[in-house]
Structure formats: structure tokens, C-alpha cells
Amino acid sequence: MFQQLSDTELMIMEYLWSQNTPKTFSEIKAFFEATTNKNWKKQTLNTFLSRLIDKGLLERKKEETKAYYGAALTKAEFKQRKAKAILEECYEGKISHFIAALTGNNAITKVDEKELIAHILDK
């Protein structure tokens, strides 16, 4: 089952997704202190990072004396899991139920219909 992220957890993931390489604890802490005016204690940031590891979104790799944190999933993979979880939880796993709820049981536009059909046929 997909686990929701807190605003802070999502903020950490957004930062790591934007980077090309894993970051050390110190680099993550310094970035957020500089950009958000948050003065996180080590334990606070460690708690957030541990939760993200437990949720399967973050990997921690140790190299010599330093630990590096990197995303375990791409942002696209995260969004896909989130979308599937919402579909399962709210719409019995059926895209037709989602579209009916989205459109209020009104017909979708021809443009939307063509886009949906093209996407379905592309897979």
C-alpha cells in the first residue's frame, strides 16, 4: 500500500530528485537550512530520512565513513504508485469510475477522448 508523505518528507524527496547524485546528511541539512530558514536538529532530519527509508523512497549507502542518501524511486515512479493507490482506494481500481467522478458523469470532450484512446493504444 502507498504511504502518504508529509510536506517535509515531500520537500526532501523533491530536493533529492532534483540532484544528480546522492547527498550526505550534512549536505541535505545545509541545503534546507539555507533555503527554508529551518534550523533542524540532527535528530529531526534523521527522523525524516529514516521514515523515507522505511517507506521505500530513500536509499542510504555508506562509503567509508560517510552515508549518502538518494532516491530509491524516480519522481515518475513515485507519481505512478501514488496514482495507482488513489485509483485503488477511491475508484475500485477502475479508470472508468475515476473518469465518471472527474466528469460528473458528463461526457468527456472529444479531445480528451482522443488523448485517452491514444494513451491506451500506445501501451
N, C-alpha and C. Protein backbone atom coordinates (compact mmCIF):
# COMPACT_ATOMS: atom_id res chain seq x y z
N MET A 1 0.83 -1.18 0.00
CA MET A 1 0.00 0.00 0.00
C MET A 1 0.88 1.25 0.00
N PHE A 2 0.44 2.24 -0.71
CA PHE A 2 1.16 3.50 -0.82
C PHE A 2 1.01 4.30 0.47
N GLN A 3 2.11 4.85 0.93
CA GLN A 3 2.07 5.66 2.14
C GLN A 3 2.22 7.13 1.77
N GLN A 4 1.35 7.94 2.32
CA GLN A 4 1.39 9.37 2.07
C GLN A 4 2.67 9.96 2.66
N LEU A 5 3.07 11.08 2.09
CA LEU A 5 4.24 11.79 2.60
C LEU A 5 3.80 13.07 3.27
N SER A 6 4.50 13.43 4.33
CA SER A 6 4.27 14.72 4.95
C SER A 6 4.85 15.79 4.01
N ASP A 7 4.50 17.03 4.25
CA ASP A 7 5.04 18.13 3.43
C ASP A 7 6.56 18.15 3.48
N THR A 8 7.12 17.91 4.65
CA THR A 8 8.58 17.94 4.81
C THR A 8 9.22 16.75 4.10
N GLU A 9 8.62 15.58 4.21
CA GLU A 9 9.16 14.41 3.51
C GLU A 9 9.14 14.65 1.99
N LEU A 10 8.05 15.22 1.50
CA LEU A 10 7.97 15.51 0.07
C LEU A 10 9.01 16.55 -0.33
N MET A 11 9.23 17.53 0.51
CA MET A 11 10.23 18.56 0.25
C MET A 11 11.64 17.93 0.15
N ILE A 12 11.93 17.00 1.02
CA ILE A 12 13.22 16.30 0.99
C ILE A 12 13.34 15.50 -0.30
N MET A 13 12.28 14.79 -0.66
CA MET A 13 12.32 13.99 -1.88
C MET A 13 12.46 14.87 -3.11
N GLU A 14 11.75 15.99 -3.15
CA GLU A 14 11.87 16.91 -4.29
C GLU A 14 13.32 17.37 -4.45
N TYR A 15 13.96 17.67 -3.35
CA TYR A 15 15.36 18.09 -3.39
C TYR A 15 16.23 16.96 -3.96
N LEU A 16 16.05 15.76 -3.44
CA LEU A 16 16.89 14.64 -3.88
C LEU A 16 16.60 14.27 -5.34
N TRP A 17 15.34 14.37 -5.76
CA TRP A 17 15.02 14.10 -7.17
C TRP A 17 15.69 15.13 -8.08
N SER A 18 15.86 16.33 -7.59
CA SER A 18 16.46 17.39 -8.42
C SER A 18 17.97 17.26 -8.54
N GLN A 19 18.57 16.43 -7.73
CA GLN A 19 20.02 16.25 -7.73
C GLN A 19 20.41 15.07 -8.61
N ASN A 20 21.60 15.13 -9.15
CA ASN A 20 22.07 14.03 -9.99
C ASN A 20 22.80 12.96 -9.21
N THR A 21 23.16 13.28 -7.98
CA THR A 21 23.92 12.33 -7.17
C THR A 21 23.36 12.31 -5.75
N PRO A 22 23.52 11.19 -5.06
CA PRO A 22 23.12 11.14 -3.66
C PRO A 22 23.85 12.19 -2.84
N LYS A 23 23.24 12.60 -1.75
CA LYS A 23 23.78 13.66 -0.90
C LYS A 23 24.05 13.13 0.50
N THR A 24 25.02 13.74 1.16
CA THR A 24 25.31 13.37 2.54
C THR A 24 24.30 14.04 3.46
N PHE A 25 24.24 13.56 4.67
CA PHE A 25 23.37 14.14 5.70
C PHE A 25 23.66 15.64 5.83
N SER A 26 24.94 15.97 5.90
CA SER A 26 25.35 17.38 6.07
C SER A 26 24.91 18.25 4.90
N GLU A 27 25.02 17.71 3.69
CA GLU A 27 24.60 18.47 2.50
C GLU A 27 23.10 18.72 2.51
N ILE A 28 22.34 17.71 2.88
CA ILE A 28 20.88 17.86 2.95
C ILE A 28 20.51 18.89 4.00
N LYS A 29 21.11 18.76 5.17
CA LYS A 29 20.82 19.69 6.28
C LYS A 29 21.18 21.12 5.89
N ALA A 30 22.34 21.32 5.29
CA ALA A 30 22.79 22.65 4.90
C ALA A 30 21.87 23.26 3.84
N PHE A 31 21.44 22.45 2.89
CA PHE A 31 20.54 22.95 1.84
C PHE A 31 19.24 23.48 2.44
N PHE A 32 18.63 22.71 3.32
CA PHE A 32 17.34 23.12 3.88
C PHE A 32 17.48 24.28 4.86
N GLU A 33 18.58 24.33 5.56
CA GLU A 33 18.79 25.47 6.45
C GLU A 33 18.96 26.76 5.64
N ALA A 34 19.60 26.64 4.48
CA ALA A 34 19.85 27.82 3.64
C ALA A 34 18.61 28.25 2.86
N THR A 35 17.77 27.30 2.48
CA THR A 35 16.65 27.64 1.60
C THR A 35 15.30 27.77 2.31
N THR A 36 15.18 27.23 3.51
CA THR A 36 13.87 27.25 4.17
C THR A 36 13.88 27.97 5.51
N ASN A 37 15.03 28.44 5.92
CA ASN A 37 15.16 29.09 7.24
C ASN A 37 14.78 28.15 8.39
N LYS A 38 14.88 26.85 8.15
CA LYS A 38 14.63 25.88 9.21
C LYS A 38 15.96 25.50 9.83
N ASN A 39 16.03 25.54 11.11
CA ASN A 39 17.24 25.14 11.82
C ASN A 39 16.98 23.76 12.42
N TRP A 40 17.04 22.74 11.56
CA TRP A 40 16.76 21.39 12.00
C TRP A 40 17.86 20.87 12.90
N LYS A 41 17.44 20.22 13.96
CA LYS A 41 18.39 19.48 14.78
C LYS A 41 18.72 18.20 14.01
N LYS A 42 19.86 17.61 14.32
CA LYS A 42 20.27 16.39 13.62
C LYS A 42 19.21 15.29 13.76
N GLN A 43 18.66 15.16 14.98
CA GLN A 43 17.66 14.11 15.22
C GLN A 43 16.41 14.31 14.38
N THR A 44 16.01 15.56 14.18
CA THR A 44 14.80 15.85 13.39
C THR A 44 14.99 15.40 11.95
N LEU A 45 16.08 15.81 11.34
CA LEU A 45 16.34 15.40 9.96
C LEU A 45 16.54 13.90 9.88
N ASN A 46 17.21 13.32 10.83
CA ASN A 46 17.42 11.88 10.84
C ASN A 46 16.09 11.13 10.89
N THR A 47 15.14 11.65 11.65
CA THR A 47 13.81 11.03 11.72
C THR A 47 13.13 11.05 10.36
N PHE A 48 13.17 12.20 9.69
CA PHE A 48 12.56 12.30 8.35
C PHE A 48 13.23 11.34 7.37
N LEU A 49 14.55 11.29 7.39
CA LEU A 49 15.27 10.40 6.47
C LEU A 49 14.96 8.94 6.77
N SER A 50 14.88 8.58 8.04
CA SER A 50 14.55 7.20 8.42
C SER A 50 13.15 6.82 7.96
N ARG A 51 12.22 7.73 8.10
CA ARG A 51 10.85 7.45 7.65
C ARG A 51 10.81 7.22 6.15
N LEU A 52 11.56 8.03 5.40
CA LEU A 52 11.59 7.86 3.95
C LEU A 52 12.24 6.54 3.55
N ILE A 53 13.24 6.12 4.31
CA ILE A 53 13.85 4.81 4.06
C ILE A 53 12.83 3.71 4.34
N ASP A 54 12.11 3.82 5.46
CA ASP A 54 11.09 2.83 5.83
C ASP A 54 9.98 2.75 4.79
N LYS A 55 9.68 3.86 4.16
CA LYS A 55 8.62 3.90 3.14
C LYS A 55 9.12 3.43 1.77
N GLY A 56 10.41 3.12 1.68
CA GLY A 56 10.98 2.61 0.44
C GLY A 56 11.27 3.68 -0.60
N LEU A 57 11.32 4.93 -0.19
CA LEU A 57 11.56 6.01 -1.13
C LEU A 57 13.00 6.49 -1.14
N LEU A 58 13.72 6.14 -0.12
CA LEU A 58 15.08 6.64 0.04
C LEU A 58 16.03 5.48 0.29
N GLU A 59 17.23 5.60 -0.26
CA GLU A 59 18.28 4.61 -0.01
C GLU A 59 19.43 5.30 0.71
N ARG A 60 20.00 4.56 1.64
CA ARG A 60 21.17 5.06 2.38
C ARG A 60 22.32 4.12 2.08
N LYS A 61 23.38 4.68 1.51
CA LYS A 61 24.55 3.88 1.19
C LYS A 61 25.76 4.46 1.91
N LYS A 62 26.52 3.57 2.49
CA LYS A 62 27.70 4.00 3.24
C LYS A 62 28.94 3.79 2.39
N GLU A 63 29.76 4.84 2.32
CA GLU A 63 31.05 4.77 1.64
C GLU A 63 32.09 5.27 2.61
N GLU A 64 32.94 4.37 3.02
CA GLU A 64 33.95 4.65 4.03
C GLU A 64 33.27 5.19 5.29
N THR A 65 33.48 6.45 5.62
CA THR A 65 32.90 6.98 6.86
C THR A 65 31.65 7.82 6.63
N LYS A 66 31.24 8.00 5.38
CA LYS A 66 30.09 8.85 5.08
C LYS A 66 28.91 8.03 4.57
N ALA A 67 27.73 8.49 4.94
CA ALA A 67 26.50 7.90 4.41
C ALA A 67 25.93 8.85 3.37
N TYR A 68 25.44 8.28 2.29
CA TYR A 68 24.84 9.05 1.21
C TYR A 68 23.39 8.65 1.05
N TYR A 69 22.54 9.66 0.83
CA TYR A 69 21.11 9.44 0.68
C TYR A 69 20.69 9.78 -0.74
N GLY A 70 19.98 8.87 -1.35
CA GLY A 70 19.49 9.08 -2.70
C GLY A 70 18.11 8.48 -2.86
N ALA A 71 17.39 8.97 -3.84
CA ALA A 71 16.04 8.48 -4.10
C ALA A 71 16.07 7.03 -4.57
N ALA A 72 15.20 6.22 -3.98
CA ALA A 72 15.08 4.82 -4.38
C ALA A 72 14.16 4.66 -5.58
N LEU A 73 13.30 5.66 -5.78
CA LEU A 73 12.38 5.69 -6.92
C LEU A 73 12.56 7.01 -7.64
N THR A 74 12.32 7.01 -8.93
CA THR A 74 12.30 8.27 -9.65
C THR A 74 11.01 9.00 -9.29
N LYS A 75 10.95 10.26 -9.60
CA LYS A 75 9.74 11.03 -9.34
C LYS A 75 8.57 10.45 -10.15
N ALA A 76 8.84 10.02 -11.37
CA ALA A 76 7.79 9.43 -12.21
C ALA A 76 7.26 8.13 -11.59
N GLU A 77 8.16 7.30 -11.06
CA GLU A 77 7.73 6.05 -10.41
C GLU A 77 6.90 6.36 -9.17
N PHE A 78 7.31 7.36 -8.41
CA PHE A 78 6.55 7.77 -7.23
C PHE A 78 5.14 8.22 -7.61
N LYS A 79 5.04 9.06 -8.63
CA LYS A 79 3.73 9.55 -9.08
C LYS A 79 2.85 8.40 -9.58
N GLN A 80 3.46 7.44 -10.26
CA GLN A 80 2.70 6.30 -10.76
C GLN A 80 2.14 5.47 -9.61
N ARG A 81 2.95 5.22 -8.60
CA ARG A 81 2.48 4.47 -7.43
C ARG A 81 1.37 5.22 -6.70
N LYS A 82 1.54 6.52 -6.59
CA LYS A 82 0.55 7.34 -5.92
C LYS A 82 -0.77 7.31 -6.69
N ALA A 83 -0.71 7.46 -8.00
CA ALA A 83 -1.91 7.43 -8.83
C ALA A 83 -2.61 6.08 -8.74
N LYS A 84 -1.85 5.00 -8.78
CA LYS A 84 -2.44 3.66 -8.67
C LYS A 84 -3.11 3.46 -7.31
N ALA A 85 -2.48 3.97 -6.27
CA ALA A 85 -3.06 3.84 -4.92
C ALA A 85 -4.37 4.61 -4.82
N ILE A 86 -4.41 5.80 -5.37
CA ILE A 86 -5.64 6.60 -5.35
C ILE A 86 -6.73 5.89 -6.15
N LEU A 87 -6.37 5.35 -7.30
CA LEU A 87 -7.33 4.63 -8.13
C LEU A 87 -7.90 3.43 -7.38
N GLU A 88 -7.03 2.68 -6.71
CA GLU A 88 -7.48 1.51 -5.95
C GLU A 88 -8.36 1.91 -4.77
N GLU A 89 -7.89 2.90 -4.03
CA GLU A 89 -8.57 3.30 -2.80
C GLU A 89 -9.92 3.96 -3.05
N CYS A 90 -9.97 4.81 -4.04
CA CYS A 90 -11.17 5.63 -4.23
C CYS A 90 -12.09 5.17 -5.36
N TYR A 91 -11.56 4.41 -6.31
CA TYR A 91 -12.35 4.10 -7.51
C TYR A 91 -12.35 2.61 -7.86
N GLU A 92 -12.19 1.78 -6.85
CA GLU A 92 -12.22 0.33 -7.02
C GLU A 92 -11.24 -0.16 -8.08
N GLY A 93 -10.18 0.62 -8.30
CA GLY A 93 -9.16 0.25 -9.27
C GLY A 93 -9.58 0.40 -10.72
N LYS A 94 -10.69 1.08 -10.95
CA LYS A 94 -11.22 1.19 -12.31
C LYS A 94 -11.11 2.62 -12.82
N ILE A 95 -10.43 2.75 -13.94
CA ILE A 95 -10.26 4.08 -14.54
C ILE A 95 -11.60 4.66 -14.97
N SER A 96 -12.53 3.80 -15.35
CA SER A 96 -13.86 4.28 -15.78
C SER A 96 -14.58 4.96 -14.61
N HIS A 97 -14.42 4.44 -13.40
CA HIS A 97 -15.04 5.06 -12.23
C HIS A 97 -14.39 6.42 -11.94
N PHE A 98 -13.07 6.49 -12.15
CA PHE A 98 -12.37 7.75 -11.96
C PHE A 98 -12.85 8.79 -12.96
N ILE A 99 -12.96 8.42 -14.22
CA ILE A 99 -13.40 9.37 -15.25
C ILE A 99 -14.83 9.82 -14.99
N ALA A 100 -15.69 8.90 -14.56
CA ALA A 100 -17.07 9.28 -14.23
C ALA A 100 -17.09 10.29 -13.09
N ALA A 101 -16.26 10.08 -12.09
CA ALA A 101 -16.21 11.02 -10.96
C ALA A 101 -15.63 12.36 -11.41
N LEU A 102 -14.62 12.31 -12.24
CA LEU A 102 -13.96 13.52 -12.72
C LEU A 102 -14.89 14.37 -13.58
N THR A 103 -15.67 13.73 -14.41
CA THR A 103 -16.55 14.46 -15.33
C THR A 103 -17.94 14.68 -14.76
N GLY A 104 -18.23 14.13 -13.59
CA GLY A 104 -19.57 14.25 -13.03
C GLY A 104 -20.59 13.51 -13.87
N ASN A 105 -20.16 12.41 -14.46
CA ASN A 105 -20.96 11.58 -15.35
C ASN A 105 -21.36 12.29 -16.64
N ASN A 106 -20.76 13.44 -16.91
CA ASN A 106 -20.96 14.10 -18.19
C ASN A 106 -19.97 13.51 -19.19
N ALA A 107 -20.30 13.61 -20.45
CA ALA A 107 -19.41 13.08 -21.47
C ALA A 107 -18.11 13.87 -21.48
N ILE A 108 -17.01 13.18 -21.73
CA ILE A 108 -15.74 13.88 -21.84
C ILE A 108 -15.65 14.51 -23.23
N THR A 109 -14.78 15.48 -23.36
CA THR A 109 -14.63 16.16 -24.64
C THR A 109 -14.00 15.22 -25.66
N LYS A 110 -14.19 15.52 -26.91
CA LYS A 110 -13.60 14.70 -27.98
C LYS A 110 -12.07 14.73 -27.90
N VAL A 111 -11.52 15.88 -27.54
CA VAL A 111 -10.06 15.99 -27.41
C VAL A 111 -9.56 15.07 -26.30
N ASP A 112 -10.23 15.10 -25.13
CA ASP A 112 -9.84 14.22 -24.03
C ASP A 112 -10.01 12.76 -24.42
N GLU A 113 -11.09 12.46 -25.12
CA GLU A 113 -11.34 11.09 -25.56
C GLU A 113 -10.22 10.60 -26.48
N LYS A 114 -9.81 11.43 -27.42
CA LYS A 114 -8.73 11.06 -28.34
C LYS A 114 -7.42 10.85 -27.60
N GLU A 115 -7.13 11.73 -26.63
CA GLU A 115 -5.91 11.60 -25.84
C GLU A 115 -5.90 10.30 -25.03
N LEU A 116 -7.04 9.99 -24.42
CA LEU A 116 -7.14 8.74 -23.64
C LEU A 116 -6.95 7.52 -24.52
N ILE A 117 -7.61 7.50 -25.67
CA ILE A 117 -7.51 6.38 -26.58
C ILE A 117 -6.08 6.23 -27.08
N ALA A 118 -5.44 7.35 -27.44
CA ALA A 118 -4.06 7.30 -27.91
C ALA A 118 -3.13 6.76 -26.83
N HIS A 119 -3.35 7.18 -25.59
CA HIS A 119 -2.51 6.70 -24.48
C HIS A 119 -2.72 5.20 -24.25
N ILE A 120 -3.97 4.77 -24.30
CA ILE A 120 -4.27 3.35 -24.08
C ILE A 120 -3.66 2.50 -25.19
N LEU A 121 -3.79 2.95 -26.41
CA LEU A 121 -3.27 2.18 -27.55
C LEU A 121 -1.74 2.20 -27.62
N ASP A 122 -1.14 3.20 -27.04
CA ASP A 122 0.32 3.35 -27.03
C ASP A 122 0.96 2.31 -26.11
N LYS A 123 0.25 1.81 -25.13
CA LYS A 123 0.82 0.88 -24.14
C LYS A 123 0.84 -0.51 -24.64
